[in-house]
Amino acid sequence: MGLEFSELLFAIEERYGIFLIDDDWAKIQTVGDLVEVCHDRVRGVSTNWCVYLPAFLDLRRTVRAAADDSKLSVYPHAKITDVLTPDQRRALWRRLPNLDATDSVSLRRPLLLRIALYLMWFSAGAALLFAELGGWTLYMAVFLAIGLVLNLVTRPFKSVPPARLRTFGDVSRRMPLTNINAKKAICADSAALFDDLRPMIAEIVDMREEEISLKSHLVKDLGMG
């Protein structure tokens, strides 16, 4: 397949948040083959993924803006910590919409920093026991004040997503769902997917949509050689 085919596959991956591997390429000879491969991939990401696809596409745009990389590869199964640097994760979290009003979804400190923070706090508490501060009330006040200061000082180092939000797919499932019906129909029906793909194909091969059918051969009929 030629440059046009590669451009088409890239556009499809961009639109539907899927990843087409080399084995998929080998199966595609006609437009119908392309539709079926895309349909299987979109449905195969997860049982209910089609419902969350609009949210994922919104998220991917936000991730790329946070990373300042318009070509960054972002897939639902990818771990956020494997794709983004700590600074980029913080930038992403500042841009995210409200994920869940009933639960905290803030970034966490790295594990080693959390361990060190607790050790420092309890070590300070142990030292205060020998400082004879003049009473239990004063001791607790100073102990809590130290904890508050340590928390504030280390807050800028928060960069690890909560365990329930490890992947981009996890985040998408917590985002407000928008434009669900249109995307769900495309995911659930091959004919609707073909209707959605045909304008993309027509633009790339510079043909009228009416000239493209499921039986159209990508090389012989559409010139994707």
N, C-alpha and C. Protein backbone atom coordinates (compact mmCIF):
# COMPACT_ATOMS: atom_id res chain seq x y z
N MET A 1 0.83 -1.19 0.00
CA MET A 1 0.00 0.00 0.00
C MET A 1 0.88 1.26 0.00
N GLY A 2 0.34 2.34 -0.57
CA GLY A 2 1.13 3.54 -0.72
C GLY A 2 0.89 4.58 0.36
N LEU A 3 1.31 5.80 0.03
CA LEU A 3 1.24 6.90 0.98
C LEU A 3 -0.20 7.22 1.36
N GLU A 4 -1.12 7.15 0.37
CA GLU A 4 -2.51 7.46 0.66
C GLU A 4 -3.10 6.51 1.70
N PHE A 5 -2.73 5.22 1.60
CA PHE A 5 -3.23 4.23 2.54
C PHE A 5 -2.71 4.52 3.95
N SER A 6 -1.43 4.85 4.03
CA SER A 6 -0.85 5.18 5.34
C SER A 6 -1.53 6.41 5.93
N GLU A 7 -1.80 7.40 5.09
CA GLU A 7 -2.47 8.61 5.55
C GLU A 7 -3.88 8.27 6.05
N LEU A 8 -4.56 7.37 5.35
CA LEU A 8 -5.91 6.97 5.76
C LEU A 8 -5.89 6.27 7.11
N LEU A 9 -4.96 5.33 7.29
CA LEU A 9 -4.89 4.60 8.55
C LEU A 9 -4.59 5.54 9.71
N PHE A 10 -3.70 6.49 9.47
CA PHE A 10 -3.37 7.45 10.52
C PHE A 10 -4.60 8.27 10.89
N ALA A 11 -5.37 8.69 9.88
CA ALA A 11 -6.59 9.46 10.13
C ALA A 11 -7.61 8.64 10.92
N ILE A 12 -7.69 7.34 10.59
CA ILE A 12 -8.64 6.46 11.30
C ILE A 12 -8.22 6.31 12.75
N GLU A 13 -6.93 6.09 13.00
CA GLU A 13 -6.45 5.97 14.37
C GLU A 13 -6.73 7.24 15.16
N GLU A 14 -6.54 8.38 14.49
CA GLU A 14 -6.80 9.66 15.14
C GLU A 14 -8.28 9.80 15.52
N ARG A 15 -9.15 9.42 14.61
CA ARG A 15 -10.58 9.64 14.81
C ARG A 15 -11.18 8.71 15.86
N TYR A 16 -10.76 7.44 15.85
CA TYR A 16 -11.43 6.46 16.70
C TYR A 16 -10.61 6.00 17.91
N GLY A 17 -9.39 6.51 18.04
CA GLY A 17 -8.60 6.13 19.19
C GLY A 17 -8.21 4.67 19.21
N ILE A 18 -7.93 4.10 18.04
CA ILE A 18 -7.54 2.69 17.94
C ILE A 18 -6.13 2.61 17.36
N PHE A 19 -5.57 1.43 17.38
CA PHE A 19 -4.23 1.21 16.84
C PHE A 19 -4.28 0.02 15.89
N LEU A 20 -3.97 0.27 14.63
CA LEU A 20 -4.00 -0.78 13.60
C LEU A 20 -2.60 -1.35 13.43
N ILE A 21 -2.44 -2.64 13.68
CA ILE A 21 -1.13 -3.28 13.60
C ILE A 21 -0.89 -3.84 12.20
N ASP A 22 0.33 -4.33 11.95
CA ASP A 22 0.69 -4.84 10.63
C ASP A 22 -0.22 -5.98 10.19
N ASP A 23 -0.63 -6.83 11.13
CA ASP A 23 -1.52 -7.94 10.78
C ASP A 23 -2.85 -7.43 10.23
N ASP A 24 -3.29 -6.27 10.73
CA ASP A 24 -4.53 -5.68 10.21
C ASP A 24 -4.35 -5.23 8.77
N TRP A 25 -3.20 -4.64 8.49
CA TRP A 25 -2.93 -4.13 7.14
C TRP A 25 -3.05 -5.26 6.11
N ALA A 26 -2.53 -6.43 6.49
CA ALA A 26 -2.51 -7.56 5.54
C ALA A 26 -3.92 -8.04 5.20
N LYS A 27 -4.89 -7.78 6.07
CA LYS A 27 -6.25 -8.24 5.84
C LYS A 27 -7.04 -7.28 4.94
N ILE A 28 -6.51 -6.09 4.74
CA ILE A 28 -7.30 -5.05 4.07
C ILE A 28 -6.98 -4.99 2.58
N GLN A 29 -7.95 -5.36 1.77
CA GLN A 29 -7.84 -5.26 0.33
C GLN A 29 -8.91 -4.32 -0.25
N THR A 30 -10.10 -4.37 0.34
CA THR A 30 -11.21 -3.55 -0.13
C THR A 30 -11.68 -2.60 0.97
N VAL A 31 -12.55 -1.69 0.60
CA VAL A 31 -13.12 -0.78 1.59
C VAL A 31 -13.91 -1.58 2.63
N GLY A 32 -14.59 -2.63 2.19
CA GLY A 32 -15.33 -3.48 3.12
C GLY A 32 -14.42 -4.12 4.15
N ASP A 33 -13.24 -4.58 3.69
CA ASP A 33 -12.26 -5.14 4.63
C ASP A 33 -11.84 -4.09 5.65
N LEU A 34 -11.61 -2.89 5.18
CA LEU A 34 -11.20 -1.80 6.07
C LEU A 34 -12.27 -1.53 7.12
N VAL A 35 -13.51 -1.49 6.69
CA VAL A 35 -14.62 -1.24 7.61
C VAL A 35 -14.68 -2.32 8.69
N GLU A 36 -14.55 -3.59 8.28
CA GLU A 36 -14.65 -4.68 9.25
C GLU A 36 -13.50 -4.68 10.23
N VAL A 37 -12.29 -4.40 9.75
CA VAL A 37 -11.13 -4.35 10.65
C VAL A 37 -11.30 -3.21 11.66
N CYS A 38 -11.72 -2.05 11.17
CA CYS A 38 -11.93 -0.91 12.07
C CYS A 38 -13.04 -1.20 13.06
N HIS A 39 -14.10 -1.83 12.57
CA HIS A 39 -15.23 -2.17 13.44
C HIS A 39 -14.79 -3.11 14.55
N ASP A 40 -14.01 -4.13 14.20
CA ASP A 40 -13.53 -5.08 15.20
C ASP A 40 -12.62 -4.41 16.22
N ARG A 41 -11.76 -3.51 15.72
CA ARG A 41 -10.82 -2.83 16.61
C ARG A 41 -11.54 -1.91 17.59
N VAL A 42 -12.48 -1.15 17.08
CA VAL A 42 -13.21 -0.22 17.93
C VAL A 42 -13.99 -0.97 19.00
N ARG A 43 -14.66 -2.06 18.58
CA ARG A 43 -15.44 -2.84 19.54
C ARG A 43 -14.55 -3.62 20.48
N GLY A 44 -13.36 -3.99 20.02
CA GLY A 44 -12.49 -4.84 20.82
C GLY A 44 -11.72 -4.14 21.90
N VAL A 45 -11.70 -2.81 21.89
CA VAL A 45 -10.95 -2.11 22.92
C VAL A 45 -11.49 -2.46 24.30
N SER A 46 -12.80 -2.49 24.43
CA SER A 46 -13.45 -2.98 25.65
C SER A 46 -14.94 -3.11 25.36
N THR A 47 -15.63 -3.79 26.22
CA THR A 47 -17.05 -4.07 25.99
C THR A 47 -17.86 -2.80 25.80
N ASN A 48 -17.63 -1.81 26.62
CA ASN A 48 -18.43 -0.60 26.57
C ASN A 48 -17.63 0.60 26.05
N TRP A 49 -16.52 0.34 25.36
CA TRP A 49 -15.64 1.45 25.02
C TRP A 49 -16.30 2.46 24.09
N CYS A 50 -17.19 2.02 23.20
CA CYS A 50 -17.81 2.94 22.25
C CYS A 50 -18.51 4.09 22.98
N VAL A 51 -19.10 3.81 24.12
CA VAL A 51 -19.78 4.84 24.88
C VAL A 51 -18.81 5.92 25.32
N TYR A 52 -17.57 5.51 25.63
CA TYR A 52 -16.59 6.45 26.17
C TYR A 52 -15.68 7.04 25.10
N LEU A 53 -15.85 6.64 23.85
CA LEU A 53 -14.96 7.11 22.79
C LEU A 53 -14.94 8.63 22.66
N PRO A 54 -16.08 9.34 22.68
CA PRO A 54 -16.02 10.80 22.58
C PRO A 54 -15.18 11.42 23.69
N ALA A 55 -15.34 10.89 24.92
CA ALA A 55 -14.56 11.41 26.03
C ALA A 55 -13.07 11.16 25.81
N PHE A 56 -12.73 9.98 25.28
CA PHE A 56 -11.32 9.68 25.04
C PHE A 56 -10.73 10.63 24.00
N LEU A 57 -11.46 10.91 22.94
CA LEU A 57 -10.96 11.81 21.90
C LEU A 57 -10.75 13.22 22.46
N ASP A 58 -11.66 13.65 23.33
CA ASP A 58 -11.47 14.95 24.00
C ASP A 58 -10.23 14.90 24.88
N LEU A 59 -10.08 13.79 25.60
CA LEU A 59 -8.92 13.64 26.47
C LEU A 59 -7.63 13.66 25.68
N ARG A 60 -7.59 12.97 24.54
CA ARG A 60 -6.36 12.92 23.76
C ARG A 60 -5.94 14.32 23.29
N ARG A 61 -6.91 15.13 22.88
CA ARG A 61 -6.57 16.50 22.51
C ARG A 61 -5.99 17.27 23.69
N THR A 62 -6.56 17.03 24.88
CA THR A 62 -6.07 17.71 26.07
C THR A 62 -4.67 17.24 26.44
N VAL A 63 -4.43 15.93 26.31
CA VAL A 63 -3.11 15.38 26.61
C VAL A 63 -2.06 15.97 25.68
N ARG A 64 -2.36 16.02 24.41
CA ARG A 64 -1.39 16.57 23.45
C ARG A 64 -1.12 18.05 23.69
N ALA A 65 -2.15 18.77 24.12
CA ALA A 65 -1.94 20.18 24.45
C ALA A 65 -1.06 20.32 25.69
N ALA A 66 -1.30 19.45 26.69
CA ALA A 66 -0.51 19.50 27.92
C ALA A 66 0.94 19.13 27.65
N ALA A 67 1.15 18.20 26.71
CA ALA A 67 2.51 17.76 26.38
C ALA A 67 3.15 18.63 25.30
N ASP A 68 2.36 19.54 24.73
CA ASP A 68 2.83 20.41 23.64
C ASP A 68 3.38 19.57 22.49
N ASP A 69 2.64 18.52 22.16
CA ASP A 69 3.04 17.60 21.09
C ASP A 69 1.78 17.14 20.36
N SER A 70 1.53 17.71 19.19
CA SER A 70 0.29 17.41 18.47
C SER A 70 0.28 16.02 17.86
N LYS A 71 1.42 15.33 17.83
CA LYS A 71 1.51 13.99 17.24
C LYS A 71 1.72 12.90 18.30
N LEU A 72 1.60 13.26 19.56
CA LEU A 72 1.86 12.29 20.63
C LEU A 72 0.90 11.11 20.54
N SER A 73 1.44 9.89 20.60
CA SER A 73 0.62 8.68 20.56
C SER A 73 -0.05 8.48 21.92
N VAL A 74 -1.37 8.47 21.91
CA VAL A 74 -2.16 8.31 23.13
C VAL A 74 -3.20 7.23 22.87
N TYR A 75 -3.11 6.12 23.62
CA TYR A 75 -4.05 5.01 23.45
C TYR A 75 -4.71 4.67 24.78
N PRO A 76 -5.93 4.16 24.74
CA PRO A 76 -6.67 3.91 25.99
C PRO A 76 -5.93 3.03 26.99
N HIS A 77 -5.20 2.01 26.50
CA HIS A 77 -4.56 1.06 27.41
C HIS A 77 -3.23 1.57 27.97
N ALA A 78 -2.72 2.67 27.43
CA ALA A 78 -1.40 3.16 27.83
C ALA A 78 -1.43 3.78 29.23
N LYS A 79 -0.41 3.49 30.02
CA LYS A 79 -0.31 4.09 31.35
C LYS A 79 0.14 5.54 31.22
N ILE A 80 -0.48 6.39 31.96
CA ILE A 80 -0.17 7.82 31.91
C ILE A 80 1.29 8.08 32.27
N THR A 81 1.79 7.35 33.27
CA THR A 81 3.17 7.56 33.70
C THR A 81 4.18 7.10 32.67
N ASP A 82 3.78 6.23 31.73
CA ASP A 82 4.70 5.77 30.69
C ASP A 82 4.77 6.74 29.52
N VAL A 83 3.78 7.62 29.41
CA VAL A 83 3.69 8.51 28.25
C VAL A 83 4.09 9.95 28.60
N LEU A 84 3.71 10.40 29.78
CA LEU A 84 3.92 11.80 30.16
C LEU A 84 4.96 11.94 31.27
N THR A 85 5.72 13.00 31.21
CA THR A 85 6.66 13.33 32.27
C THR A 85 5.88 13.89 33.47
N PRO A 86 6.52 13.97 34.64
CA PRO A 86 5.82 14.54 35.80
C PRO A 86 5.25 15.94 35.53
N ASP A 87 6.02 16.80 34.89
CA ASP A 87 5.53 18.15 34.58
C ASP A 87 4.33 18.10 33.64
N GLN A 88 4.37 17.21 32.66
CA GLN A 88 3.26 17.08 31.72
C GLN A 88 2.02 16.53 32.41
N ARG A 89 2.20 15.63 33.36
CA ARG A 89 1.04 15.10 34.11
C ARG A 89 0.38 16.21 34.92
N ARG A 90 1.20 17.04 35.55
CA ARG A 90 0.63 18.15 36.31
C ARG A 90 -0.11 19.11 35.39
N ALA A 91 0.46 19.35 34.21
CA ALA A 91 -0.21 20.24 33.24
C ALA A 91 -1.53 19.63 32.77
N LEU A 92 -1.54 18.30 32.57
CA LEU A 92 -2.77 17.63 32.16
C LEU A 92 -3.83 17.74 33.23
N TRP A 93 -3.47 17.50 34.47
CA TRP A 93 -4.46 17.51 35.55
C TRP A 93 -5.06 18.90 35.73
N ARG A 94 -4.28 19.94 35.44
CA ARG A 94 -4.83 21.30 35.53
C ARG A 94 -5.84 21.57 34.43
N ARG A 95 -5.74 20.83 33.33
CA ARG A 95 -6.63 21.05 32.19
C ARG A 95 -7.85 20.15 32.19
N LEU A 96 -7.83 19.10 32.99
CA LEU A 96 -8.92 18.14 32.97
C LEU A 96 -10.21 18.73 33.52
N PRO A 97 -11.34 18.34 32.94
CA PRO A 97 -12.63 18.74 33.52
C PRO A 97 -12.86 17.96 34.80
N ASN A 98 -13.94 18.28 35.48
CA ASN A 98 -14.28 17.55 36.70
C ASN A 98 -14.55 16.09 36.38
N LEU A 99 -13.75 15.19 36.96
CA LEU A 99 -13.89 13.77 36.65
C LEU A 99 -15.00 13.13 37.47
N ASP A 100 -15.09 13.47 38.72
CA ASP A 100 -16.09 12.85 39.58
C ASP A 100 -16.29 13.76 40.79
N ALA A 101 -17.45 14.38 40.85
CA ALA A 101 -17.70 15.36 41.91
C ALA A 101 -17.76 14.72 43.28
N THR A 102 -17.91 13.41 43.34
CA THR A 102 -18.07 12.75 44.64
C THR A 102 -16.78 12.14 45.16
N ASP A 103 -15.68 12.29 44.41
CA ASP A 103 -14.45 11.61 44.81
C ASP A 103 -13.25 12.46 44.43
N SER A 104 -12.18 12.32 45.19
CA SER A 104 -10.96 13.06 44.90
C SER A 104 -10.17 12.36 43.80
N VAL A 105 -9.73 13.16 42.83
CA VAL A 105 -8.95 12.58 41.73
C VAL A 105 -7.65 13.37 41.55
N SER A 106 -7.17 13.97 42.61
CA SER A 106 -5.94 14.75 42.51
C SER A 106 -4.74 13.82 42.36
N LEU A 107 -3.67 14.37 41.83
CA LEU A 107 -2.43 13.61 41.71
C LEU A 107 -1.86 13.32 43.09
N ARG A 108 -1.03 12.28 43.15
CA ARG A 108 -0.41 11.89 44.41
C ARG A 108 1.09 12.11 44.33
N ARG A 109 1.73 12.13 45.47
CA ARG A 109 3.18 12.20 45.50
C ARG A 109 3.76 10.83 45.13
N PRO A 110 4.96 10.80 44.56
CA PRO A 110 5.60 9.49 44.30
C PRO A 110 5.73 8.69 45.59
N LEU A 111 5.73 7.37 45.45
CA LEU A 111 5.73 6.50 46.63
C LEU A 111 6.90 6.78 47.56
N LEU A 112 8.10 6.90 47.03
CA LEU A 112 9.27 7.13 47.88
C LEU A 112 9.16 8.45 48.62
N LEU A 113 8.60 9.46 47.97
CA LEU A 113 8.43 10.74 48.65
C LEU A 113 7.40 10.63 49.75
N ARG A 114 6.33 9.87 49.52
CA ARG A 114 5.32 9.68 50.57
C ARG A 114 5.92 8.98 51.78
N ILE A 115 6.73 7.95 51.51
CA ILE A 115 7.37 7.23 52.62
C ILE A 115 8.29 8.16 53.41
N ALA A 116 9.09 8.93 52.66
CA ALA A 116 10.01 9.86 53.32
C ALA A 116 9.25 10.92 54.12
N LEU A 117 8.12 11.36 53.58
CA LEU A 117 7.31 12.37 54.26
C LEU A 117 6.78 11.85 55.58
N TYR A 118 6.25 10.64 55.58
CA TYR A 118 5.73 10.06 56.82
C TYR A 118 6.86 9.83 57.84
N LEU A 119 8.01 9.38 57.36
CA LEU A 119 9.14 9.16 58.27
C LEU A 119 9.58 10.46 58.91
N MET A 120 9.63 11.51 58.11
CA MET A 120 10.03 12.82 58.64
C MET A 120 9.03 13.32 59.67
N TRP A 121 7.76 13.14 59.36
CA TRP A 121 6.72 13.64 60.26
C TRP A 121 6.74 12.91 61.60
N PHE A 122 6.80 11.58 61.55
CA PHE A 122 6.78 10.83 62.80
C PHE A 122 8.10 10.95 63.56
N SER A 123 9.20 11.16 62.83
CA SER A 123 10.47 11.42 63.51
C SER A 123 10.41 12.74 64.26
N ALA A 124 9.79 13.74 63.62
CA ALA A 124 9.62 15.03 64.29
C ALA A 124 8.73 14.88 65.51
N GLY A 125 7.67 14.03 65.37
CA GLY A 125 6.79 13.80 66.51
C GLY A 125 7.52 13.13 67.66
N ALA A 126 8.39 12.17 67.32
CA ALA A 126 9.16 11.50 68.38
C ALA A 126 10.10 12.48 69.06
N ALA A 127 10.72 13.37 68.28
CA ALA A 127 11.64 14.34 68.86
C ALA A 127 10.90 15.30 69.80
N LEU A 128 9.67 15.64 69.44
CA LEU A 128 8.89 16.57 70.26
C LEU A 128 8.56 15.98 71.63
N LEU A 129 8.47 14.64 71.70
CA LEU A 129 8.16 14.01 72.98
C LEU A 129 9.23 14.31 74.03
N PHE A 130 10.44 14.54 73.54
CA PHE A 130 11.54 14.79 74.48
C PHE A 130 11.82 16.29 74.64
N ALA A 131 11.00 17.10 74.00
CA ALA A 131 11.25 18.55 74.04
C ALA A 131 10.55 19.23 75.20
N GLU A 132 9.68 18.50 75.94
CA GLU A 132 8.96 19.06 77.09
C GLU A 132 8.30 20.38 76.72
N LEU A 133 7.31 20.30 75.84
CA LEU A 133 6.65 21.50 75.32
C LEU A 133 5.66 22.11 76.31
N GLY A 134 5.34 21.37 77.33
CA GLY A 134 4.45 21.94 78.34
C GLY A 134 3.03 21.45 78.30
N GLY A 135 2.82 20.30 77.69
CA GLY A 135 1.47 19.75 77.72
C GLY A 135 1.11 19.06 76.42
N TRP A 136 0.12 18.15 76.56
CA TRP A 136 -0.29 17.35 75.41
C TRP A 136 -0.93 18.20 74.32
N THR A 137 -1.67 19.21 74.71
CA THR A 137 -2.35 20.07 73.73
C THR A 137 -1.34 20.79 72.85
N LEU A 138 -0.32 21.36 73.46
CA LEU A 138 0.71 22.07 72.70
C LEU A 138 1.48 21.10 71.81
N TYR A 139 1.76 19.92 72.35
CA TYR A 139 2.47 18.91 71.55
C TYR A 139 1.69 18.57 70.28
N MET A 140 0.40 18.32 70.40
CA MET A 140 -0.41 17.96 69.24
C MET A 140 -0.48 19.11 68.25
N ALA A 141 -0.57 20.34 68.76
CA ALA A 141 -0.65 21.50 67.88
C ALA A 141 0.62 21.63 67.04
N VAL A 142 1.77 21.47 67.69
CA VAL A 142 3.05 21.56 66.97
C VAL A 142 3.20 20.39 66.00
N PHE A 143 2.80 19.20 66.45
CA PHE A 143 2.92 18.00 65.61
C PHE A 143 2.08 18.17 64.33
N LEU A 144 0.85 18.64 64.47
CA LEU A 144 -0.01 18.84 63.32
C LEU A 144 0.50 19.97 62.43
N ALA A 145 1.07 21.00 63.04
CA ALA A 145 1.63 22.11 62.27
C ALA A 145 2.80 21.64 61.40
N ILE A 146 3.62 20.77 61.95
CA ILE A 146 4.74 20.22 61.17
C ILE A 146 4.21 19.41 59.99
N GLY A 147 3.18 18.60 60.26
CA GLY A 147 2.59 17.83 59.17
C GLY A 147 2.03 18.71 58.08
N LEU A 148 1.39 19.81 58.47
CA LEU A 148 0.82 20.75 57.50
C LEU A 148 1.93 21.39 56.66
N VAL A 149 3.00 21.79 57.30
CA VAL A 149 4.13 22.41 56.58
C VAL A 149 4.74 21.43 55.59
N LEU A 150 4.96 20.19 56.02
CA LEU A 150 5.52 19.18 55.13
C LEU A 150 4.60 18.92 53.93
N ASN A 151 3.30 18.92 54.19
CA ASN A 151 2.33 18.72 53.11
C ASN A 151 2.39 19.85 52.10
N LEU A 152 2.46 21.09 52.58
CA LEU A 152 2.49 22.25 51.69
C LEU A 152 3.80 22.30 50.90
N VAL A 153 4.91 21.98 51.56
CA VAL A 153 6.21 22.05 50.90
C VAL A 153 6.33 21.03 49.78
N THR A 154 5.75 19.85 49.98
CA THR A 154 5.88 18.77 48.99
C THR A 154 4.74 18.72 47.98
N ARG A 155 3.75 19.60 48.13
CA ARG A 155 2.61 19.59 47.20
C ARG A 155 3.03 19.77 45.74
N PRO A 156 4.00 20.63 45.42
CA PRO A 156 4.39 20.80 44.01
C PRO A 156 4.98 19.54 43.38
N PHE A 157 5.32 18.54 44.18
CA PHE A 157 5.91 17.32 43.64
C PHE A 157 4.87 16.25 43.31
N LYS A 158 3.61 16.55 43.49
CA LYS A 158 2.56 15.59 43.13
C LYS A 158 2.58 15.36 41.63
N SER A 159 2.68 14.09 41.23
CA SER A 159 2.77 13.79 39.79
C SER A 159 2.26 12.41 39.42
N VAL A 160 1.78 11.64 40.40
CA VAL A 160 1.36 10.26 40.15
C VAL A 160 -0.17 10.16 40.19
N PRO A 161 -0.80 9.68 39.10
CA PRO A 161 -2.26 9.53 39.10
C PRO A 161 -2.70 8.51 40.14
N PRO A 162 -3.92 8.65 40.66
CA PRO A 162 -4.45 7.64 41.59
C PRO A 162 -4.49 6.27 40.92
N ALA A 163 -4.50 5.22 41.72
CA ALA A 163 -4.45 3.85 41.18
C ALA A 163 -5.60 3.57 40.22
N ARG A 164 -6.76 4.16 40.49
CA ARG A 164 -7.92 3.90 39.64
C ARG A 164 -7.87 4.68 38.32
N LEU A 165 -6.87 5.54 38.18
CA LEU A 165 -6.74 6.34 36.96
C LEU A 165 -5.34 6.16 36.35
N ARG A 166 -4.91 4.92 36.26
CA ARG A 166 -3.56 4.65 35.77
C ARG A 166 -3.42 4.86 34.26
N THR A 167 -4.47 4.54 33.52
CA THR A 167 -4.40 4.62 32.06
C THR A 167 -5.27 5.75 31.54
N PHE A 168 -5.06 6.10 30.27
CA PHE A 168 -5.89 7.12 29.65
C PHE A 168 -7.34 6.65 29.53
N GLY A 169 -7.52 5.34 29.33
CA GLY A 169 -8.87 4.79 29.29
C GLY A 169 -9.58 4.96 30.62
N ASP A 170 -8.86 4.77 31.72
CA ASP A 170 -9.45 4.97 33.04
C ASP A 170 -9.95 6.40 33.21
N VAL A 171 -9.15 7.35 32.76
CA VAL A 171 -9.53 8.76 32.88
C VAL A 171 -10.75 9.05 32.02
N SER A 172 -10.77 8.49 30.80
CA SER A 172 -11.89 8.73 29.89
C SER A 172 -13.21 8.29 30.50
N ARG A 173 -13.18 7.17 31.21
CA ARG A 173 -14.40 6.63 31.80
C ARG A 173 -14.92 7.48 32.95
N ARG A 174 -14.10 8.38 33.46
CA ARG A 174 -14.54 9.26 34.55
C ARG A 174 -14.91 10.65 34.05
N MET A 175 -14.72 10.90 32.76
CA MET A 175 -15.04 12.21 32.21
C MET A 175 -16.51 12.31 31.84
N PRO A 176 -17.06 13.51 31.83
CA PRO A 176 -18.46 13.68 31.40
C PRO A 176 -18.63 13.14 29.99
N LEU A 177 -19.68 12.38 29.74
CA LEU A 177 -19.92 11.80 28.43
C LEU A 177 -20.68 12.79 27.56
N THR A 178 -20.13 13.04 26.35
CA THR A 178 -20.75 13.97 25.42
C THR A 178 -20.83 13.34 24.05
N ASN A 179 -21.81 13.74 23.28
CA ASN A 179 -21.96 13.25 21.90
C ASN A 179 -21.97 11.73 21.82
N ILE A 180 -22.59 11.08 22.80
CA ILE A 180 -22.53 9.62 22.88
C ILE A 180 -23.30 8.95 21.76
N ASN A 181 -24.49 9.41 21.49
CA ASN A 181 -25.37 8.69 20.57
C ASN A 181 -24.77 8.50 19.18
N ALA A 182 -24.19 9.55 18.63
CA ALA A 182 -23.62 9.45 17.28
C ALA A 182 -22.49 8.45 17.24
N LYS A 183 -21.60 8.53 18.19
CA LYS A 183 -20.45 7.63 18.19
C LYS A 183 -20.87 6.21 18.52
N LYS A 184 -21.84 6.06 19.39
CA LYS A 184 -22.28 4.72 19.75
C LYS A 184 -22.89 4.02 18.53
N ALA A 185 -23.62 4.78 17.72
CA ALA A 185 -24.22 4.19 16.52
C ALA A 185 -23.15 3.75 15.54
N ILE A 186 -22.13 4.57 15.39
CA ILE A 186 -21.04 4.20 14.49
C ILE A 186 -20.35 2.94 14.97
N CYS A 187 -20.10 2.86 16.28
CA CYS A 187 -19.42 1.69 16.82
C CYS A 187 -20.26 0.43 16.69
N ALA A 188 -21.58 0.59 16.84
CA ALA A 188 -22.44 -0.58 16.92
C ALA A 188 -22.84 -1.12 15.55
N ASP A 189 -22.61 -0.36 14.48
CA ASP A 189 -23.14 -0.76 13.18
C ASP A 189 -22.09 -0.52 12.09
N SER A 190 -21.76 -1.58 11.32
CA SER A 190 -20.76 -1.46 10.26
C SER A 190 -21.20 -0.49 9.18
N ALA A 191 -22.48 -0.47 8.87
CA ALA A 191 -22.98 0.43 7.82
C ALA A 191 -22.76 1.88 8.22
N ALA A 192 -23.03 2.20 9.51
CA ALA A 192 -22.81 3.55 9.98
C ALA A 192 -21.33 3.90 9.96
N LEU A 193 -20.49 2.93 10.27
CA LEU A 193 -19.05 3.15 10.23
C LEU A 193 -18.60 3.44 8.80
N PHE A 194 -19.14 2.72 7.85
CA PHE A 194 -18.81 2.96 6.44
C PHE A 194 -19.21 4.38 6.03
N ASP A 195 -20.39 4.80 6.44
CA ASP A 195 -20.85 6.16 6.13
C ASP A 195 -19.92 7.20 6.73
N ASP A 196 -19.35 6.88 7.87
CA ASP A 196 -18.44 7.82 8.53
C ASP A 196 -17.06 7.82 7.86
N LEU A 197 -16.64 6.65 7.36
CA LEU A 197 -15.32 6.52 6.76
C LEU A 197 -15.28 7.02 5.31
N ARG A 198 -16.37 6.89 4.61
CA ARG A 198 -16.36 7.18 3.17
C ARG A 198 -15.91 8.62 2.85
N PRO A 199 -16.37 9.64 3.59
CA PRO A 199 -15.87 10.99 3.30
C PRO A 199 -14.36 11.12 3.51
N MET A 200 -13.82 10.42 4.51
CA MET A 200 -12.39 10.45 4.75
C MET A 200 -11.63 9.85 3.58
N ILE A 201 -12.13 8.71 3.08
CA ILE A 201 -11.48 8.04 1.95
C ILE A 201 -11.57 8.92 0.71
N ALA A 202 -12.75 9.48 0.46
CA ALA A 202 -12.95 10.31 -0.73
C ALA A 202 -12.00 11.51 -0.74
N GLU A 203 -11.79 12.11 0.40
CA GLU A 203 -10.91 13.27 0.47
C GLU A 203 -9.46 12.88 0.18
N ILE A 204 -9.04 11.74 0.70
CA ILE A 204 -7.65 11.32 0.52
C ILE A 204 -7.36 10.91 -0.91
N VAL A 205 -8.30 10.21 -1.55
CA VAL A 205 -8.06 9.73 -2.93
C VAL A 205 -8.62 10.69 -3.97
N ASP A 206 -9.22 11.80 -3.50
CA ASP A 206 -9.76 12.83 -4.40
C ASP A 206 -10.80 12.25 -5.36
N MET A 207 -11.83 11.63 -4.77
CA MET A 207 -12.94 11.07 -5.54
C MET A 207 -14.25 11.51 -4.91
N ARG A 208 -15.33 11.34 -5.65
CA ARG A 208 -16.64 11.59 -5.10
C ARG A 208 -17.06 10.41 -4.21
N GLU A 209 -17.77 10.72 -3.14
CA GLU A 209 -18.19 9.67 -2.20
C GLU A 209 -19.01 8.59 -2.89
N GLU A 210 -19.82 9.00 -3.86
CA GLU A 210 -20.69 8.05 -4.55
C GLU A 210 -19.92 6.99 -5.32
N GLU A 211 -18.67 7.28 -5.62
CA GLU A 211 -17.85 6.35 -6.39
C GLU A 211 -17.22 5.28 -5.51
N ILE A 212 -17.38 5.40 -4.21
CA ILE A 212 -16.73 4.49 -3.27
C ILE A 212 -17.78 3.57 -2.65
N SER A 213 -17.56 2.27 -2.79
CA SER A 213 -18.47 1.28 -2.21
C SER A 213 -17.66 0.31 -1.36
N LEU A 214 -18.38 -0.56 -0.67
CA LEU A 214 -17.71 -1.56 0.16
C LEU A 214 -16.84 -2.49 -0.68
N LYS A 215 -17.21 -2.68 -1.96
CA LYS A 215 -16.46 -3.59 -2.83
C LYS A 215 -15.27 -2.92 -3.51
N SER A 216 -15.12 -1.61 -3.35
CA SER A 216 -14.02 -0.89 -4.01
C SER A 216 -12.68 -1.41 -3.51
N HIS A 217 -11.82 -1.79 -4.47
CA HIS A 217 -10.49 -2.27 -4.14
C HIS A 217 -9.58 -1.07 -3.88
N LEU A 218 -8.85 -1.09 -2.79
CA LEU A 218 -8.06 0.08 -2.40
C LEU A 218 -6.98 0.42 -3.43
N VAL A 219 -6.41 -0.60 -4.04
CA VAL A 219 -5.34 -0.36 -5.03
C VAL A 219 -5.91 -0.21 -6.44
N LYS A 220 -6.66 -1.20 -6.86
CA LYS A 220 -7.13 -1.22 -8.26
C LYS A 220 -8.17 -0.12 -8.54
N ASP A 221 -9.07 0.13 -7.58
CA ASP A 221 -10.14 1.06 -7.81
C ASP A 221 -9.87 2.47 -7.27
N LEU A 222 -9.14 2.54 -6.15
CA LEU A 222 -8.93 3.83 -5.50
C LEU A 222 -7.51 4.36 -5.65
N GLY A 223 -6.65 3.56 -6.24
CA GLY A 223 -5.28 4.03 -6.51
C GLY A 223 -4.38 4.16 -5.32
N MET A 224 -4.67 3.42 -4.26
CA MET A 224 -3.80 3.47 -3.08
C MET A 224 -2.66 2.48 -3.24
N GLY A 225 -1.90 2.62 -4.30
CA GLY A 225 -0.83 1.68 -4.58
C GLY A 225 0.50 2.11 -4.03
